Amino acid sequence: MKGIPGIHPDWGITVVRIMTGLLFAVHGYQKFARGLGDVSVYFAKISIPFPGLMAPFIATLELVGGILLIIGLFTRVVSALFALEMLVTTVWVKLALGAGWNASDLDRMLLVAGILMVLAGPGAAAADNLVFKGDTGCPSQT
């Protein structure tokens, strides 16, 4: 399939990466603003193991990981962690607790965005491309 002339497909991945980073960073910030105690109580209510440990871990992952995605640093590692988190929220929290398929729309989209970035890398305009000299571990696409 041909792309848009003059625009490399990596820019599409960049848009997904930045928006995903913004969403996670905002959600992480909200967890800190709400109070980690409240987040821990909620995690306990939905049977997340070790809620006192997981609440600050997830809040930090979302805030710091979201910022890292925005700048495109450690994209594959952060995206893999986010994909795992979204797999848990989709299967364990939304579907298993009866919220239903429609309630997990955002979670599923963030899951596939994470998988996209694990497989395709950070896209264009990413710090990974400078730090790792553009070596994303994928064969060159010509």
C-alpha atoms as a PDB file:
ATOM      1  CA  MET A   1       0.000   0.000   0.000  1.00  0.00           C
ATOM      2  CA  LYS A   2       1.347   3.392  -0.966  1.00  0.00           C
ATOM      3  CA  GLY A   3       1.571   6.148   1.581  1.00  0.00           C
ATOM      4  CA  ILE A   4       0.828   9.814   1.148  1.00  0.00           C
ATOM      5  CA  PRO A   5       3.464  11.271  -1.177  1.00  0.00           C
ATOM      6  CA  GLY A   6       6.075  13.241   0.746  1.00  0.00           C
ATOM      7  CA  ILE A   7       4.996  11.965   4.191  1.00  0.00           C
ATOM      8  CA  HIS A   8       6.834   9.019   5.718  1.00  0.00           C
ATOM      9  CA  PRO A   9       4.587   6.510   7.561  1.00  0.00           C
ATOM     10  CA  ASP A  10       6.697   7.021  10.700  1.00  0.00           C
ATOM     11  CA  TRP A  11       4.836  10.299  11.211  1.00  0.00           C
ATOM     12  CA  GLY A  12       1.622   8.332  11.728  1.00  0.00           C
ATOM     13  CA  ILE A  13       3.295   6.324  14.479  1.00  0.00           C
ATOM     14  CA  THR A  14       4.549   9.582  15.979  1.00  0.00           C
ATOM     15  CA  VAL A  15       1.001  10.943  16.240  1.00  0.00           C
ATOM     16  CA  VAL A  16      -0.155   7.729  17.963  1.00  0.00           C
ATOM     17  CA  ARG A  17       2.885   7.810  20.298  1.00  0.00           C
ATOM     18  CA  ILE A  18       2.363  11.424  21.367  1.00  0.00           C
ATOM     19  CA  MET A  19      -1.392  11.060  21.937  1.00  0.00           C
ATOM     20  CA  THR A  20      -0.888   7.821  23.867  1.00  0.00           C
ATOM     21  CA  GLY A  21       1.751   9.537  25.987  1.00  0.00           C
ATOM     22  CA  LEU A  22      -0.564  12.468  26.685  1.00  0.00           C
ATOM     23  CA  LEU A  23      -3.405  10.173  27.742  1.00  0.00           C
ATOM     24  CA  PHE A  24      -1.215   8.162  30.107  1.00  0.00           C
ATOM     25  CA  ALA A  25       0.537  11.214  31.550  1.00  0.00           C
ATOM     26  CA  VAL A  26      -2.793  12.885  32.333  1.00  0.00           C
ATOM     27  CA  HIS A  27      -4.175   9.712  33.910  1.00  0.00           C
ATOM     28  CA  GLY A  28      -1.002   9.293  35.986  1.00  0.00           C
ATOM     29  CA  TYR A  29      -1.195  12.900  37.147  1.00  0.00           C
ATOM     30  CA  GLN A  30      -4.854  12.424  38.074  1.00  0.00           C
ATOM     31  CA  LYS A  31      -3.947   9.431  40.234  1.00  0.00           C
ATOM     32  CA  PHE A  32      -1.419  11.519  42.168  1.00  0.00           C
ATOM     33  CA  ALA A  33      -3.812  14.487  42.410  1.00  0.00           C
ATOM     34  CA  ARG A  34      -6.627  12.253  43.666  1.00  0.00           C
ATOM     35  CA  GLY A  35      -4.315  10.724  46.229  1.00  0.00           C
ATOM     36  CA  LEU A  36      -2.563   7.390  46.087  1.00  0.00           C
ATOM     37  CA  GLY A  37      -4.533   6.256  49.128  1.00  0.00           C
ATOM     38  CA  ASP A  38      -7.785   6.552  47.181  1.00  0.00           C
ATOM     39  CA  VAL A  39      -6.238   4.763  44.200  1.00  0.00           C
ATOM     40  CA  SER A  40      -5.025   1.984  46.505  1.00  0.00           C
ATOM     41  CA  VAL A  41      -8.518   1.606  48.003  1.00  0.00           C
ATOM     42  CA  TYR A  42      -9.998   1.381  44.501  1.00  0.00           C
ATOM     43  CA  PHE A  43      -7.404  -1.205  43.465  1.00  0.00           C
ATOM     44  CA  ALA A  44      -8.261  -3.267  46.561  1.00  0.00           C
ATOM     45  CA  LYS A  45     -11.979  -2.993  45.730  1.00  0.00           C
ATOM     46  CA  ILE A  46     -11.404  -4.470  42.261  1.00  0.00           C
ATOM     47  CA  SER A  47      -9.060  -7.154  43.656  1.00  0.00           C
ATOM     48  CA  ILE A  48      -5.783  -5.913  42.188  1.00  0.00           C
ATOM     49  CA  PRO A  49      -3.044  -7.759  44.106  1.00  0.00           C
ATOM     50  CA  PHE A  50      -0.857  -5.657  46.427  1.00  0.00           C
ATOM     51  CA  PRO A  51      -2.916  -2.476  45.982  1.00  0.00           C
ATOM     52  CA  GLY A  52      -0.666  -0.428  48.290  1.00  0.00           C
ATOM     53  CA  LEU A  53       2.290  -1.243  46.042  1.00  0.00           C
ATOM     54  CA  MET A  54       0.509  -1.217  42.706  1.00  0.00           C
ATOM     55  CA  ALA A  55      -1.168   2.198  43.137  1.00  0.00           C
ATOM     56  CA  PRO A  56       2.089   4.203  43.282  1.00  0.00           C
ATOM     57  CA  PHE A  57       3.698   1.918  40.671  1.00  0.00           C
ATOM     58  CA  ILE A  58       0.888   2.404  38.137  1.00  0.00           C
ATOM     59  CA  ALA A  59       0.575   6.140  38.854  1.00  0.00           C
ATOM     60  CA  THR A  60       4.330   6.612  38.365  1.00  0.00           C
ATOM     61  CA  LEU A  61       4.376   4.393  35.274  1.00  0.00           C
ATOM     62  CA  GLU A  62       1.559   6.387  33.706  1.00  0.00           C
ATOM     63  CA  LEU A  63       2.971   9.823  34.539  1.00  0.00           C
ATOM     64  CA  VAL A  64       6.656   9.184  33.835  1.00  0.00           C
ATOM     65  CA  GLY A  65       6.001   6.654  31.060  1.00  0.00           C
ATOM     66  CA  GLY A  66       3.567   9.047  29.401  1.00  0.00           C
ATOM     67  CA  ILE A  67       6.180  11.806  29.398  1.00  0.00           C
ATOM     68  CA  LEU A  68       8.766   9.377  28.020  1.00  0.00           C
ATOM     69  CA  LEU A  69       6.392   8.464  25.190  1.00  0.00           C
ATOM     70  CA  ILE A  70       5.759  12.118  24.374  1.00  0.00           C
ATOM     71  CA  ILE A  71       9.484  12.702  23.906  1.00  0.00           C
ATOM     72  CA  GLY A  72       9.942   9.260  22.364  1.00  0.00           C
ATOM     73  CA  LEU A  73      12.485   7.865  24.824  1.00  0.00           C
ATOM     74  CA  PHE A  74      12.565   4.139  25.689  1.00  0.00           C
ATOM     75  CA  THR A  75       9.448   3.845  23.573  1.00  0.00           C
ATOM     76  CA  ARG A  76       9.417   0.072  23.162  1.00  0.00           C
ATOM     77  CA  VAL A  77       9.972  -0.687  26.852  1.00  0.00           C
ATOM     78  CA  VAL A  78       7.380   1.827  28.052  1.00  0.00           C
ATOM     79  CA  SER A  79       4.912   0.689  25.387  1.00  0.00           C
ATOM     80  CA  ALA A  80       5.308  -2.944  26.433  1.00  0.00           C
ATOM     81  CA  LEU A  81       4.541  -1.990  30.043  1.00  0.00           C
ATOM     82  CA  PHE A  82       1.513   0.024  28.940  1.00  0.00           C
ATOM     83  CA  ALA A  83       0.279  -2.830  26.736  1.00  0.00           C
ATOM     84  CA  LEU A  84       0.530  -5.182  29.711  1.00  0.00           C
ATOM     85  CA  GLU A  85      -1.318  -2.700  31.927  1.00  0.00           C
ATOM     86  CA  MET A  86      -4.079  -2.294  29.341  1.00  0.00           C
ATOM     87  CA  LEU A  87      -4.379  -6.061  28.912  1.00  0.00           C
ATOM     88  CA  VAL A  88      -5.000  -6.317  32.666  1.00  0.00           C
ATOM     89  CA  THR A  89      -7.493  -3.438  32.698  1.00  0.00           C
ATOM     90  CA  THR A  90      -9.362  -4.884  29.728  1.00  0.00           C
ATOM     91  CA  VAL A  91      -9.541  -8.517  30.825  1.00  0.00           C
ATOM     92  CA  TRP A  92      -9.428  -8.268  34.621  1.00  0.00           C
ATOM     93  CA  VAL A  93     -11.112  -4.965  35.383  1.00  0.00           C
ATOM     94  CA  LYS A  94     -13.554  -4.199  32.566  1.00  0.00           C
ATOM     95  CA  LEU A  95     -14.635  -7.593  31.242  1.00  0.00           C
ATOM     96  CA  ALA A  96     -14.309  -9.823  34.329  1.00  0.00           C
ATOM     97  CA  LEU A  97     -16.018  -7.346  36.654  1.00  0.00           C
ATOM     98  CA  GLY A  98     -18.987  -6.989  34.339  1.00  0.00           C
ATOM     99  CA  ALA A  99     -18.429  -3.523  32.876  1.00  0.00           C
ATOM    100  CA  GLY A 100     -18.671  -5.093  29.447  1.00  0.00           C
ATOM    101  CA  TRP A 101     -17.053  -4.864  26.044  1.00  0.00           C
ATOM    102  CA  ASN A 102     -18.170  -1.280  25.337  1.00  0.00           C
ATOM    103  CA  ALA A 103     -16.691  -0.037  28.609  1.00  0.00           C
ATOM    104  CA  SER A 104     -13.253  -1.228  27.540  1.00  0.00           C
ATOM    105  CA  ASP A 105     -12.999   0.772  24.282  1.00  0.00           C
ATOM    106  CA  LEU A 106     -10.247   3.130  25.453  1.00  0.00           C
ATOM    107  CA  ASP A 107      -8.374   0.316  27.176  1.00  0.00           C
ATOM    108  CA  ARG A 108      -8.371  -1.782  23.999  1.00  0.00           C
ATOM    109  CA  MET A 109      -7.228   1.151  21.861  1.00  0.00           C
ATOM    110  CA  LEU A 110      -4.375   1.880  24.269  1.00  0.00           C
ATOM    111  CA  LEU A 111      -3.499  -1.832  24.248  1.00  0.00           C
ATOM    112  CA  VAL A 112      -3.129  -1.898  20.462  1.00  0.00           C
ATOM    113  CA  ALA A 113      -1.282   1.446  20.482  1.00  0.00           C
ATOM    114  CA  GLY A 114       1.225  -0.103  22.888  1.00  0.00           C
ATOM    115  CA  ILE A 115       1.577  -3.177  20.689  1.00  0.00           C
ATOM    116  CA  LEU A 116       2.040  -0.958  17.614  1.00  0.00           C
ATOM    117  CA  MET A 117       4.913   0.912  19.235  1.00  0.00           C
ATOM    118  CA  VAL A 118       6.558  -2.283  20.511  1.00  0.00           C
ATOM    119  CA  LEU A 119       6.497  -3.715  16.984  1.00  0.00           C
ATOM    120  CA  ALA A 120       7.098  -0.568  14.902  1.00  0.00           C
ATOM    121  CA  GLY A 121       9.233   1.556  17.199  1.00  0.00           C
ATOM    122  CA  PRO A 122       8.863   5.217  18.097  1.00  0.00           C
ATOM    123  CA  GLY A 123       8.192   6.689  14.662  1.00  0.00           C
ATOM    124  CA  ALA A 124       9.680  10.010  13.589  1.00  0.00           C
ATOM    125  CA  ALA A 125      10.758  12.881  15.840  1.00  0.00           C
ATOM    126  CA  ALA A 126      11.671  10.635  18.775  1.00  0.00           C
ATOM    127  CA  ALA A 127      14.536  10.926  21.227  1.00  0.00           C
ATOM    128  CA  ASP A 128      15.121   7.195  20.687  1.00  0.00           C
ATOM    129  CA  ASN A 129      16.239   8.007  17.137  1.00  0.00           C
ATOM    130  CA  LEU A 130      18.936  10.340  18.481  1.00  0.00           C
ATOM    131  CA  VAL A 131      20.002   8.341  21.526  1.00  0.00           C
ATOM    132  CA  PHE A 132      20.085   5.014  19.729  1.00  0.00           C
ATOM    133  CA  LYS A 133      21.172   6.495  16.376  1.00  0.00           C
ATOM    134  CA  GLY A 134      17.947   5.480  14.651  1.00  0.00           C
ATOM    135  CA  ASP A 135      18.495   1.777  15.417  1.00  0.00           C
ATOM    136  CA  THR A 136      14.980   0.656  16.247  1.00  0.00           C
ATOM    137  CA  GLY A 137      15.770  -3.012  15.776  1.00  0.00           C
ATOM    138  CA  CYS A 138      13.564  -3.230  12.689  1.00  0.00           C
ATOM    139  CA  PRO A 139      14.733  -3.740   9.140  1.00  0.00           C
ATOM    140  CA  SER A 140      14.796  -0.620   7.017  1.00  0.00           C
ATOM    141  CA  GLN A 141      11.621   0.011   5.058  1.00  0.00           C
ATOM    142  CA  THR A 142      12.228   1.243   1.548  1.00  0.00           C
END
